[in-house]
Amino acid sequence: LGIQQNSYSQIENGINNIQTDHLIKLALFYNTSTDYLLE
């Protein structure tokens, strides 16, 4: 994602919100939908 590990950790822990472009990149990387990632 081009970010620091601690920034990503904060996203996983719900401290920071994920940016839309990062969410899309993860969906493409994992070959799934953003809706799936967002539950």
PDB file of all heavy atoms in Angstrom:
ATOM      1  N   LEU A   1       0.808  -1.221   0.000  1.00  0.00           N
ATOM      2  CA  LEU A   1       0.000   0.000   0.000  1.00  0.00           C
ATOM      3  C   LEU A   1       0.842   1.273   0.000  1.00  0.00           C
ATOM      4  O   LEU A   1       0.307   2.365  -0.183  1.00  0.00           O
ATOM      5  CB  LEU A   1      -0.934   0.009   1.215  1.00  0.00           C
ATOM      6  CG  LEU A   1      -1.952  -1.126   1.281  1.00  0.00           C
ATOM      7  CD1 LEU A   1      -2.755  -1.036   2.574  1.00  0.00           C
ATOM      8  CD2 LEU A   1      -2.863  -1.130   0.066  1.00  0.00           C
ATOM      9  N   GLY A   2       2.142   1.130   0.233  1.00  0.00           N
ATOM     10  CA  GLY A   2       3.016   2.297   0.260  1.00  0.00           C
ATOM     11  C   GLY A   2       2.892   3.105   1.541  1.00  0.00           C
ATOM     12  O   GLY A   2       3.031   4.331   1.509  1.00  0.00           O
ATOM     13  N   ILE A   3       2.604   2.419   2.649  1.00  0.00           N
ATOM     14  CA  ILE A   3       2.482   3.084   3.945  1.00  0.00           C
ATOM     15  C   ILE A   3       3.359   2.371   4.969  1.00  0.00           C
ATOM     16  O   ILE A   3       3.877   1.285   4.697  1.00  0.00           O
ATOM     17  CB  ILE A   3       1.009   3.140   4.436  1.00  0.00           C
ATOM     18  CG1 ILE A   3       0.428   1.726   4.620  1.00  0.00           C
ATOM     19  CG2 ILE A   3       0.156   3.971   3.490  1.00  0.00           C
ATOM     20  CD1 ILE A   3      -0.983   1.700   5.203  1.00  0.00           C
ATOM     21  N   GLN A   4       3.534   2.980   6.113  1.00  0.00           N
ATOM     22  CA  GLN A   4       4.312   2.387   7.194  1.00  0.00           C
ATOM     23  C   GLN A   4       3.522   1.263   7.862  1.00  0.00           C
ATOM     24  O   GLN A   4       2.289   1.291   7.895  1.00  0.00           O
ATOM     25  CB  GLN A   4       4.673   3.451   8.235  1.00  0.00           C
ATOM     26  CG  GLN A   4       5.565   4.556   7.708  1.00  0.00           C
ATOM     27  CD  GLN A   4       6.937   4.041   7.305  1.00  0.00           C
ATOM     28  OE1 GLN A   4       7.550   3.234   8.009  1.00  0.00           O
ATOM     29  NE2 GLN A   4       7.408   4.498   6.157  1.00  0.00           N
ATOM     30  N   GLN A   5       4.235   0.291   8.424  1.00  0.00           N
ATOM     31  CA  GLN A   5       3.584  -0.840   9.095  1.00  0.00           C
ATOM     32  C   GLN A   5       2.704  -0.374  10.243  1.00  0.00           C
ATOM     33  O   GLN A   5       1.601  -0.878  10.432  1.00  0.00           O
ATOM     34  CB  GLN A   5       4.645  -1.830   9.584  1.00  0.00           C
ATOM     35  CG  GLN A   5       4.082  -3.070  10.266  1.00  0.00           C
ATOM     36  CD  GLN A   5       3.834  -2.880  11.757  1.00  0.00           C
ATOM     37  OE1 GLN A   5       4.576  -2.162  12.425  1.00  0.00           O
ATOM     38  NE2 GLN A   5       2.806  -3.510  12.273  1.00  0.00           N
ATOM     39  N   ASN A   6       3.152   0.615  11.015  1.00  0.00           N
ATOM     40  CA  ASN A   6       2.333   1.078  12.139  1.00  0.00           C
ATOM     41  C   ASN A   6       1.045   1.747  11.661  1.00  0.00           C
ATOM     42  O   ASN A   6       0.015   1.646  12.321  1.00  0.00           O
ATOM     43  CB  ASN A   6       3.126   1.990  13.080  1.00  0.00           C
ATOM     44  CG  ASN A   6       3.571   3.280  12.432  1.00  0.00           C
ATOM     45  OD1 ASN A   6       3.768   3.349  11.219  1.00  0.00           O
ATOM     46  ND2 ASN A   6       3.766   4.301  13.241  1.00  0.00           N
ATOM     47  N   SER A   7       1.070   2.390  10.506  1.00  0.00           N
ATOM     48  CA  SER A   7      -0.151   2.975   9.935  1.00  0.00           C
ATOM     49  C   SER A   7      -1.132   1.881   9.542  1.00  0.00           C
ATOM     50  O   SER A   7      -2.334   1.987   9.774  1.00  0.00           O
ATOM     51  CB  SER A   7       0.174   3.839   8.715  1.00  0.00           C
ATOM     52  OG  SER A   7       0.965   4.932   9.090  1.00  0.00           O
ATOM     53  N   TYR A   8      -0.594   0.813   8.939  1.00  0.00           N
ATOM     54  CA  TYR A   8      -1.462  -0.304   8.561  1.00  0.00           C
ATOM     55  C   TYR A   8      -2.040  -0.983   9.803  1.00  0.00           C
ATOM     56  O   TYR A   8      -3.211  -1.339   9.839  1.00  0.00           O
ATOM     57  CB  TYR A   8      -0.718  -1.323   7.692  1.00  0.00           C
ATOM     58  CG  TYR A   8      -1.621  -2.437   7.268  1.00  0.00           C
ATOM     59  CD1 TYR A   8      -2.564  -2.240   6.276  1.00  0.00           C
ATOM     60  CD2 TYR A   8      -1.578  -3.676   7.901  1.00  0.00           C
ATOM     61  CE1 TYR A   8      -3.436  -3.255   5.918  1.00  0.00           C
ATOM     62  CE2 TYR A   8      -2.442  -4.688   7.544  1.00  0.00           C
ATOM     63  CZ  TYR A   8      -3.369  -4.467   6.557  1.00  0.00           C
ATOM     64  OH  TYR A   8      -4.245  -5.467   6.217  1.00  0.00           O
ATOM     65  N   SER A   9      -1.229  -1.124  10.840  1.00  0.00           N
ATOM     66  CA  SER A   9      -1.691  -1.712  12.094  1.00  0.00           C
ATOM     67  C   SER A   9      -2.854  -0.903  12.670  1.00  0.00           C
ATOM     68  O   SER A   9      -3.838  -1.469  13.165  1.00  0.00           O
ATOM     69  CB  SER A   9      -0.539  -1.773  13.098  1.00  0.00           C
ATOM     70  OG  SER A   9      -0.995  -2.254  14.344  1.00  0.00           O
ATOM     71  N   GLN A  10      -2.757   0.411  12.604  1.00  0.00           N
ATOM     72  CA  GLN A  10      -3.830   1.270  13.107  1.00  0.00           C
ATOM     73  C   GLN A  10      -5.116   1.086  12.298  1.00  0.00           C
ATOM     74  O   GLN A  10      -6.214   1.168  12.847  1.00  0.00           O
ATOM     75  CB  GLN A  10      -3.383   2.726  13.108  1.00  0.00           C
ATOM     76  CG  GLN A  10      -2.312   3.002  14.140  1.00  0.00           C
ATOM     77  CD  GLN A  10      -1.752   4.403  14.056  1.00  0.00           C
ATOM     78  OE1 GLN A  10      -1.986   5.128  13.098  1.00  0.00           O
ATOM     79  NE2 GLN A  10      -0.986   4.783  15.077  1.00  0.00           N
ATOM     80  N   ILE A  11      -4.999   0.820  11.012  1.00  0.00           N
ATOM     81  CA  ILE A  11      -6.179   0.546  10.188  1.00  0.00           C
ATOM     82  C   ILE A  11      -6.807  -0.772  10.621  1.00  0.00           C
ATOM     83  O   ILE A  11      -8.019  -0.856  10.837  1.00  0.00           O
ATOM     84  CB  ILE A  11      -5.813   0.527   8.684  1.00  0.00           C
ATOM     85  CG1 ILE A  11      -5.384   1.918   8.216  1.00  0.00           C
ATOM     86  CG2 ILE A  11      -6.980   0.006   7.852  1.00  0.00           C
ATOM     87  CD1 ILE A  11      -4.738   1.938   6.842  1.00  0.00           C
ATOM     88  N   GLU A  12      -5.991  -1.811  10.748  1.00  0.00           N
ATOM     89  CA  GLU A  12      -6.512  -3.119  11.176  1.00  0.00           C
ATOM     90  C   GLU A  12      -7.182  -3.050  12.544  1.00  0.00           C
ATOM     91  O   GLU A  12      -8.164  -3.745  12.783  1.00  0.00           O
ATOM     92  CB  GLU A  12      -5.382  -4.150  11.237  1.00  0.00           C
ATOM     93  CG  GLU A  12      -5.087  -4.816   9.941  1.00  0.00           C
ATOM     94  CD  GLU A  12      -4.227  -6.065  10.089  1.00  0.00           C
ATOM     95  OE1 GLU A  12      -3.814  -6.434  11.201  1.00  0.00           O
ATOM     96  OE2 GLU A  12      -3.973  -6.679   9.041  1.00  0.00           O
ATOM     97  N   ASN A  13      -6.657  -2.229  13.423  1.00  0.00           N
ATOM     98  CA  ASN A  13      -7.197  -2.123  14.774  1.00  0.00           C
ATOM     99  C   ASN A  13      -8.325  -1.115  14.901  1.00  0.00           C
ATOM    100  O   ASN A  13      -8.829  -0.878  16.005  1.00  0.00           O
ATOM    101  CB  ASN A  13      -6.073  -1.797  15.760  1.00  0.00           C
ATOM    102  CG  ASN A  13      -5.132  -2.964  15.938  1.00  0.00           C
ATOM    103  OD1 ASN A  13      -5.560  -4.095  16.152  1.00  0.00           O
ATOM    104  ND2 ASN A  13      -3.835  -2.716  15.831  1.00  0.00           N
ATOM    105  N   GLY A  14      -8.737  -0.507  13.792  1.00  0.00           N
ATOM    106  CA  GLY A  14      -9.862   0.414  13.810  1.00  0.00           C
ATOM    107  C   GLY A  14      -9.545   1.790  14.364  1.00  0.00           C
ATOM    108  O   GLY A  14     -10.448   2.580  14.622  1.00  0.00           O
ATOM    109  N   ILE A  15      -8.269   2.089  14.538  1.00  0.00           N
ATOM    110  CA  ILE A  15      -7.872   3.404  15.038  1.00  0.00           C
ATOM    111  C   ILE A  15      -7.982   4.442  13.926  1.00  0.00           C
ATOM    112  O   ILE A  15      -8.451   5.561  14.152  1.00  0.00           O
ATOM    113  CB  ILE A  15      -6.441   3.353  15.619  1.00  0.00           C
ATOM    114  CG1 ILE A  15      -6.419   2.397  16.818  1.00  0.00           C
ATOM    115  CG2 ILE A  15      -5.943   4.742  15.994  1.00  0.00           C
ATOM    116  CD1 ILE A  15      -5.027   2.031  17.300  1.00  0.00           C
ATOM    117  N   ASN A  16      -7.552   4.076  12.728  1.00  0.00           N
ATOM    118  CA  ASN A  16      -7.650   4.943  11.551  1.00  0.00           C
ATOM    119  C   ASN A  16      -8.519   4.276  10.497  1.00  0.00           C
ATOM    120  O   ASN A  16      -8.554   3.039  10.401  1.00  0.00           O
ATOM    121  CB  ASN A  16      -6.269   5.227  10.960  1.00  0.00           C
ATOM    122  CG  ASN A  16      -5.442   6.153  11.823  1.00  0.00           C
ATOM    123  OD1 ASN A  16      -5.974   6.941  12.601  1.00  0.00           O
ATOM    124  ND2 ASN A  16      -4.133   6.047  11.703  1.00  0.00           N
ATOM    125  N   ASN A  17      -9.188   5.077   9.695  1.00  0.00           N
ATOM    126  CA  ASN A  17      -9.986   4.560   8.585  1.00  0.00           C
ATOM    127  C   ASN A  17      -9.075   4.267   7.398  1.00  0.00           C
ATOM    128  O   ASN A  17      -8.064   4.934   7.199  1.00  0.00           O
ATOM    129  CB  ASN A  17     -11.051   5.573   8.166  1.00  0.00           C
ATOM    130  CG  ASN A  17     -12.115   5.739   9.208  1.00  0.00           C
ATOM    131  OD1 ASN A  17     -12.526   4.775   9.853  1.00  0.00           O
ATOM    132  ND2 ASN A  17     -12.571   6.965   9.408  1.00  0.00           N
ATOM    133  N   ILE A  18      -9.480   3.297   6.618  1.00  0.00           N
ATOM    134  CA  ILE A  18      -8.715   2.951   5.422  1.00  0.00           C
ATOM    135  C   ILE A  18      -9.100   3.895   4.289  1.00  0.00           C
ATOM    136  O   ILE A  18     -10.274   4.259   4.130  1.00  0.00           O
ATOM    137  CB  ILE A  18      -8.935   1.473   5.014  1.00  0.00           C
ATOM    138  CG1 ILE A  18      -7.960   1.053   3.929  1.00  0.00           C
ATOM    139  CG2 ILE A  18     -10.385   1.218   4.621  1.00  0.00           C
ATOM    140  CD1 ILE A  18      -7.886  -0.443   3.699  1.00  0.00           C
ATOM    141  N   GLN A  19      -8.114   4.334   3.535  1.00  0.00           N
ATOM    142  CA  GLN A  19      -8.375   5.186   2.381  1.00  0.00           C
ATOM    143  C   GLN A  19      -9.003   4.342   1.272  1.00  0.00           C
ATOM    144  O   GLN A  19      -8.688   3.157   1.120  1.00  0.00           O
ATOM    145  CB  GLN A  19      -7.080   5.815   1.871  1.00  0.00           C
ATOM    146  CG  GLN A  19      -6.468   6.800   2.829  1.00  0.00           C
ATOM    147  CD  GLN A  19      -5.179   7.394   2.272  1.00  0.00           C
ATOM    148  OE1 GLN A  19      -4.822   7.220   1.106  1.00  0.00           O
ATOM    149  NE2 GLN A  19      -4.475   8.110   3.131  1.00  0.00           N
ATOM    150  N   THR A  20      -9.852   4.964   0.500  1.00  0.00           N
ATOM    151  CA  THR A  20     -10.556   4.257  -0.571  1.00  0.00           C
ATOM    152  C   THR A  20      -9.590   3.598  -1.545  1.00  0.00           C
ATOM    153  O   THR A  20      -9.782   2.438  -1.918  1.00  0.00           O
ATOM    154  CB  THR A  20     -11.493   5.220  -1.323  1.00  0.00           C
ATOM    155  OG1 THR A  20     -12.390   5.814  -0.386  1.00  0.00           O
ATOM    156  CG2 THR A  20     -12.286   4.497  -2.390  1.00  0.00           C
ATOM    157  N   ASP A  21      -8.540   4.296  -1.937  1.00  0.00           N
ATOM    158  CA  ASP A  21      -7.600   3.707  -2.895  1.00  0.00           C
ATOM    159  C   ASP A  21      -6.877   2.506  -2.309  1.00  0.00           C
ATOM    160  O   ASP A  21      -6.585   1.539  -3.011  1.00  0.00           O
ATOM    161  CB  ASP A  21      -6.610   4.747  -3.430  1.00  0.00           C
ATOM    162  CG  ASP A  21      -5.783   5.426  -2.358  1.00  0.00           C
ATOM    163  OD1 ASP A  21      -6.284   5.629  -1.235  1.00  0.00           O
ATOM    164  OD2 ASP A  21      -4.621   5.777  -2.657  1.00  0.00           O
ATOM    165  N   HIS A  22      -6.626   2.509  -1.005  1.00  0.00           N
ATOM    166  CA  HIS A  22      -6.010   1.353  -0.361  1.00  0.00           C
ATOM    167  C   HIS A  22      -6.984   0.175  -0.305  1.00  0.00           C
ATOM    168  O   HIS A  22      -6.590  -0.973  -0.523  1.00  0.00           O
ATOM    169  CB  HIS A  22      -5.536   1.696   1.053  1.00  0.00           C
ATOM    170  CG  HIS A  22      -4.388   2.657   1.084  1.00  0.00           C
ATOM    171  ND1 HIS A  22      -4.051   3.359   2.215  1.00  0.00           N
ATOM    172  CD2 HIS A  22      -3.505   3.033   0.128  1.00  0.00           C
ATOM    173  CE1 HIS A  22      -2.994   4.121   1.950  1.00  0.00           C
ATOM    174  NE2 HIS A  22      -2.659   3.940   0.689  1.00  0.00           N
ATOM    175  N   LEU A  23      -8.239   0.463  -0.025  1.00  0.00           N
ATOM    176  CA  LEU A  23      -9.264  -0.582   0.010  1.00  0.00           C
ATOM    177  C   LEU A  23      -9.394  -1.247  -1.355  1.00  0.00           C
ATOM    178  O   LEU A  23      -9.442  -2.480  -1.456  1.00  0.00           O
ATOM    179  CB  LEU A  23     -10.601   0.012   0.454  1.00  0.00           C
ATOM    180  CG  LEU A  23     -11.752  -0.955   0.591  1.00  0.00           C
ATOM    181  CD1 LEU A  23     -11.488  -1.984   1.687  1.00  0.00           C
ATOM    182  CD2 LEU A  23     -13.034  -0.192   0.890  1.00  0.00           C
ATOM    183  N   ILE A  24      -9.413  -0.455  -2.399  1.00  0.00           N
ATOM    184  CA  ILE A  24      -9.508  -0.994  -3.764  1.00  0.00           C
ATOM    185  C   ILE A  24      -8.273  -1.831  -4.085  1.00  0.00           C
ATOM    186  O   ILE A  24      -8.378  -2.925  -4.643  1.00  0.00           O
ATOM    187  CB  ILE A  24      -9.709   0.144  -4.783  1.00  0.00           C
ATOM    188  CG1 ILE A  24     -11.089   0.784  -4.576  1.00  0.00           C
ATOM    189  CG2 ILE A  24      -9.536  -0.363  -6.211  1.00  0.00           C
ATOM    190  CD1 ILE A  24     -11.289   2.085  -5.325  1.00  0.00           C
ATOM    191  N   LYS A  25      -7.103  -1.339  -3.718  1.00  0.00           N
ATOM    192  CA  LYS A  25      -5.859  -2.075  -3.980  1.00  0.00           C
ATOM    193  C   LYS A  25      -5.875  -3.433  -3.275  1.00  0.00           C
ATOM    194  O   LYS A  25      -5.461  -4.439  -3.848  1.00  0.00           O
ATOM    195  CB  LYS A  25      -4.652  -1.250  -3.535  1.00  0.00           C
ATOM    196  CG  LYS A  25      -3.326  -1.814  -3.982  1.00  0.00           C
ATOM    197  CD  LYS A  25      -2.185  -0.902  -3.603  1.00  0.00           C
ATOM    198  CE  LYS A  25      -1.778  -0.125  -4.828  1.00  0.00           C
ATOM    199  NZ  LYS A  25      -0.544   0.651  -4.618  1.00  0.00           N
ATOM    200  N   LEU A  26      -6.372  -3.461  -2.031  1.00  0.00           N
ATOM    201  CA  LEU A  26      -6.457  -4.727  -1.300  1.00  0.00           C
ATOM    202  C   LEU A  26      -7.456  -5.675  -1.955  1.00  0.00           C
ATOM    203  O   LEU A  26      -7.195  -6.876  -2.054  1.00  0.00           O
ATOM    204  CB  LEU A  26      -6.832  -4.482   0.161  1.00  0.00           C
ATOM    205  CG  LEU A  26      -5.759  -3.848   1.028  1.00  0.00           C
ATOM    206  CD1 LEU A  26      -6.302  -3.585   2.427  1.00  0.00           C
ATOM    207  CD2 LEU A  26      -4.520  -4.727   1.092  1.00  0.00           C
ATOM    208  N   ALA A  27      -8.587  -5.160  -2.389  1.00  0.00           N
ATOM    209  CA  ALA A  27      -9.586  -6.009  -3.052  1.00  0.00           C
ATOM    210  C   ALA A  27      -9.008  -6.626  -4.319  1.00  0.00           C
ATOM    211  O   ALA A  27      -9.208  -7.818  -4.582  1.00  0.00           O
ATOM    212  CB  ALA A  27     -10.842  -5.202  -3.367  1.00  0.00           C
ATOM    213  N   LEU A  28      -8.283  -5.846  -5.093  1.00  0.00           N
ATOM    214  CA  LEU A  28      -7.649  -6.377  -6.305  1.00  0.00           C
ATOM    215  C   LEU A  28      -6.565  -7.387  -5.955  1.00  0.00           C
ATOM    216  O   LEU A  28      -6.466  -8.439  -6.582  1.00  0.00           O
ATOM    217  CB  LEU A  28      -7.061  -5.227  -7.138  1.00  0.00           C
ATOM    218  CG  LEU A  28      -8.076  -4.282  -7.780  1.00  0.00           C
ATOM    219  CD1 LEU A  28      -7.369  -3.067  -8.368  1.00  0.00           C
ATOM    220  CD2 LEU A  28      -8.900  -5.001  -8.825  1.00  0.00           C
ATOM    221  N   PHE A  29      -5.762  -7.087  -4.947  1.00  0.00           N
ATOM    222  CA  PHE A  29      -4.679  -7.976  -4.529  1.00  0.00           C
ATOM    223  C   PHE A  29      -5.221  -9.326  -4.065  1.00  0.00           C
ATOM    224  O   PHE A  29      -4.686 -10.374  -4.425  1.00  0.00           O
ATOM    225  CB  PHE A  29      -3.876  -7.303  -3.407  1.00  0.00           C
ATOM    226  CG  PHE A  29      -2.769  -8.153  -2.861  1.00  0.00           C
ATOM    227  CD1 PHE A  29      -1.590  -8.319  -3.576  1.00  0.00           C
ATOM    228  CD2 PHE A  29      -2.892  -8.775  -1.626  1.00  0.00           C
ATOM    229  CE1 PHE A  29      -0.561  -9.109  -3.066  1.00  0.00           C
ATOM    230  CE2 PHE A  29      -1.875  -9.567  -1.111  1.00  0.00           C
ATOM    231  CZ  PHE A  29      -0.704  -9.725  -1.841  1.00  0.00           C
ATOM    232  N   TYR A  30      -6.289  -9.300  -3.257  1.00  0.00           N
ATOM    233  CA  TYR A  30      -6.860 -10.538  -2.726  1.00  0.00           C
ATOM    234  C   TYR A  30      -7.904 -11.155  -3.659  1.00  0.00           C
ATOM    235  O   TYR A  30      -8.480 -12.188  -3.344  1.00  0.00           O
ATOM    236  CB  TYR A  30      -7.500 -10.278  -1.363  1.00  0.00           C
ATOM    237  CG  TYR A  30      -6.512  -9.976  -0.263  1.00  0.00           C
ATOM    238  CD1 TYR A  30      -6.610  -8.795   0.453  1.00  0.00           C
ATOM    239  CD2 TYR A  30      -5.509 -10.869   0.079  1.00  0.00           C
ATOM    240  CE1 TYR A  30      -5.723  -8.501   1.487  1.00  0.00           C
ATOM    241  CE2 TYR A  30      -4.622 -10.591   1.107  1.00  0.00           C
ATOM    242  CZ  TYR A  30      -4.736  -9.409   1.804  1.00  0.00           C
ATOM    243  OH  TYR A  30      -3.858  -9.132   2.830  1.00  0.00           O
ATOM    244  N   ASN A  31      -8.146 -10.520  -4.811  1.00  0.00           N
ATOM    245  CA  ASN A  31      -9.129 -10.991  -5.789  1.00  0.00           C
ATOM    246  C   ASN A  31     -10.499 -11.186  -5.143  1.00  0.00           C
ATOM    247  O   ASN A  31     -11.122 -12.249  -5.234  1.00  0.00           O
ATOM    248  CB  ASN A  31      -8.659 -12.282  -6.472  1.00  0.00           C
ATOM    249  CG  ASN A  31      -9.476 -12.587  -7.702  1.00  0.00           C
ATOM    250  OD1 ASN A  31      -9.908 -11.684  -8.414  1.00  0.00           O
ATOM    251  ND2 ASN A  31      -9.724 -13.861  -7.959  1.00  0.00           N
ATOM    252  N   THR A  32     -10.950 -10.143  -4.476  1.00  0.00           N
ATOM    253  CA  THR A  32     -12.263 -10.136  -3.843  1.00  0.00           C
ATOM    254  C   THR A  32     -12.883  -8.764  -4.052  1.00  0.00           C
ATOM    255  O   THR A  32     -12.344  -7.948  -4.794  1.00  0.00           O
ATOM    256  CB  THR A  32     -12.158 -10.529  -2.348  1.00  0.00           C
ATOM    257  OG1 THR A  32     -13.452 -10.808  -1.846  1.00  0.00           O
ATOM    258  CG2 THR A  32     -11.470  -9.466  -1.517  1.00  0.00           C
ATOM    259  N   SER A  33     -14.006  -8.511  -3.421  1.00  0.00           N
ATOM    260  CA  SER A  33     -14.666  -7.213  -3.565  1.00  0.00           C
ATOM    261  C   SER A  33     -14.426  -6.341  -2.340  1.00  0.00           C
ATOM    262  O   SER A  33     -14.131  -6.839  -1.246  1.00  0.00           O
ATOM    263  CB  SER A  33     -16.171  -7.399  -3.768  1.00  0.00           C
ATOM    264  OG  SER A  33     -16.769  -7.879  -2.577  1.00  0.00           O
ATOM    265  N   THR A  34     -14.567  -5.059  -2.528  1.00  0.00           N
ATOM    266  CA  THR A  34     -14.488  -4.150  -1.383  1.00  0.00           C
ATOM    267  C   THR A  34     -15.629  -4.437  -0.413  1.00  0.00           C
ATOM    268  O   THR A  34     -15.447  -4.322   0.800  1.00  0.00           O
ATOM    269  CB  THR A  34     -14.522  -2.677  -1.825  1.00  0.00           C
ATOM    270  OG1 THR A  34     -15.691  -2.447  -2.609  1.00  0.00           O
ATOM    271  CG2 THR A  34     -13.281  -2.315  -2.630  1.00  0.00           C
ATOM    272  N   ASP A  35     -16.774  -4.827  -0.920  1.00  0.00           N
ATOM    273  CA  ASP A  35     -17.906  -5.175  -0.050  1.00  0.00           C
ATOM    274  C   ASP A  35     -17.553  -6.338   0.874  1.00  0.00           C
ATOM    275  O   ASP A  35     -17.934  -6.339   2.040  1.00  0.00           O
ATOM    276  CB  ASP A  35     -19.151  -5.529  -0.862  1.00  0.00           C
ATOM    277  CG  ASP A  35     -19.878  -4.318  -1.399  1.00  0.00           C
ATOM    278  OD1 ASP A  35     -19.455  -3.176  -1.100  1.00  0.00           O
ATOM    279  OD2 ASP A  35     -20.878  -4.504  -2.108  1.00  0.00           O
ATOM    280  N   TYR A  36     -16.820  -7.314   0.366  1.00  0.00           N
ATOM    281  CA  TYR A  36     -16.411  -8.437   1.200  1.00  0.00           C
ATOM    282  C   TYR A  36     -15.454  -7.953   2.298  1.00  0.00           C
ATOM    283  O   TYR A  36     -15.600  -8.312   3.457  1.00  0.00           O
ATOM    284  CB  TYR A  36     -15.756  -9.535   0.366  1.00  0.00           C
ATOM    285  CG  TYR A  36     -15.284 -10.692   1.216  1.00  0.00           C
ATOM    286  CD1 TYR A  36     -16.193 -11.605   1.750  1.00  0.00           C
ATOM    287  CD2 TYR A  36     -13.941 -10.860   1.524  1.00  0.00           C
ATOM    288  CE1 TYR A  36     -15.771 -12.655   2.556  1.00  0.00           C
ATOM    289  CE2 TYR A  36     -13.507 -11.907   2.329  1.00  0.00           C
ATOM    290  CZ  TYR A  36     -14.428 -12.793   2.839  1.00  0.00           C
ATOM    291  OH  TYR A  36     -14.005 -13.825   3.648  1.00  0.00           O
ATOM    292  N   LEU A  37     -14.479  -7.130   1.917  1.00  0.00           N
ATOM    293  CA  LEU A  37     -13.526  -6.621   2.902  1.00  0.00           C
ATOM    294  C   LEU A  37     -14.217  -5.777   3.973  1.00  0.00           C
ATOM    295  O   LEU A  37     -13.811  -5.781   5.126  1.00  0.00           O
ATOM    296  CB  LEU A  37     -12.427  -5.809   2.214  1.00  0.00           C
ATOM    297  CG  LEU A  37     -11.503  -6.588   1.280  1.00  0.00           C
ATOM    298  CD1 LEU A  37     -10.519  -5.644   0.613  1.00  0.00           C
ATOM    299  CD2 LEU A  37     -10.775  -7.695   2.021  1.00  0.00           C
ATOM    300  N   LEU A  38     -15.283  -5.074   3.578  1.00  0.00           N
ATOM    301  CA  LEU A  38     -16.017  -4.214   4.515  1.00  0.00           C
ATOM    302  C   LEU A  38     -17.119  -4.966   5.261  1.00  0.00           C
ATOM    303  O   LEU A  38     -17.872  -4.362   6.022  1.00  0.00           O
ATOM    304  CB  LEU A  38     -16.621  -3.029   3.762  1.00  0.00           C
ATOM    305  CG  LEU A  38     -15.619  -2.046   3.171  1.00  0.00           C
ATOM    306  CD1 LEU A  38     -16.328  -1.052   2.260  1.00  0.00           C
ATOM    307  CD2 LEU A  38     -14.846  -1.334   4.267  1.00  0.00           C
ATOM    308  N   GLU A  39     -17.211  -6.281   5.032  1.00  0.00           N
ATOM    309  CA  GLU A  39     -18.205  -7.148   5.668  1.00  0.00           C
ATOM    310  C   GLU A  39     -19.649  -6.792   5.299  1.00  0.00           C
ATOM    311  O   GLU A  39     -20.572  -6.984   6.082  1.00  0.00           O
ATOM    312  CB  GLU A  39     -18.026  -7.158   7.192  1.00  0.00           C
ATOM    313  CG  GLU A  39     -16.691  -7.724   7.614  1.00  0.00           C
ATOM    314  CD  GLU A  39     -16.536  -7.834   9.118  1.00  0.00           C
ATOM    315  OE1 GLU A  39     -17.457  -8.372   9.762  1.00  0.00           O
ATOM    316  OE2 GLU A  39     -15.497  -7.387   9.630  1.00  0.00           O
TER     317      GLU A  39
END
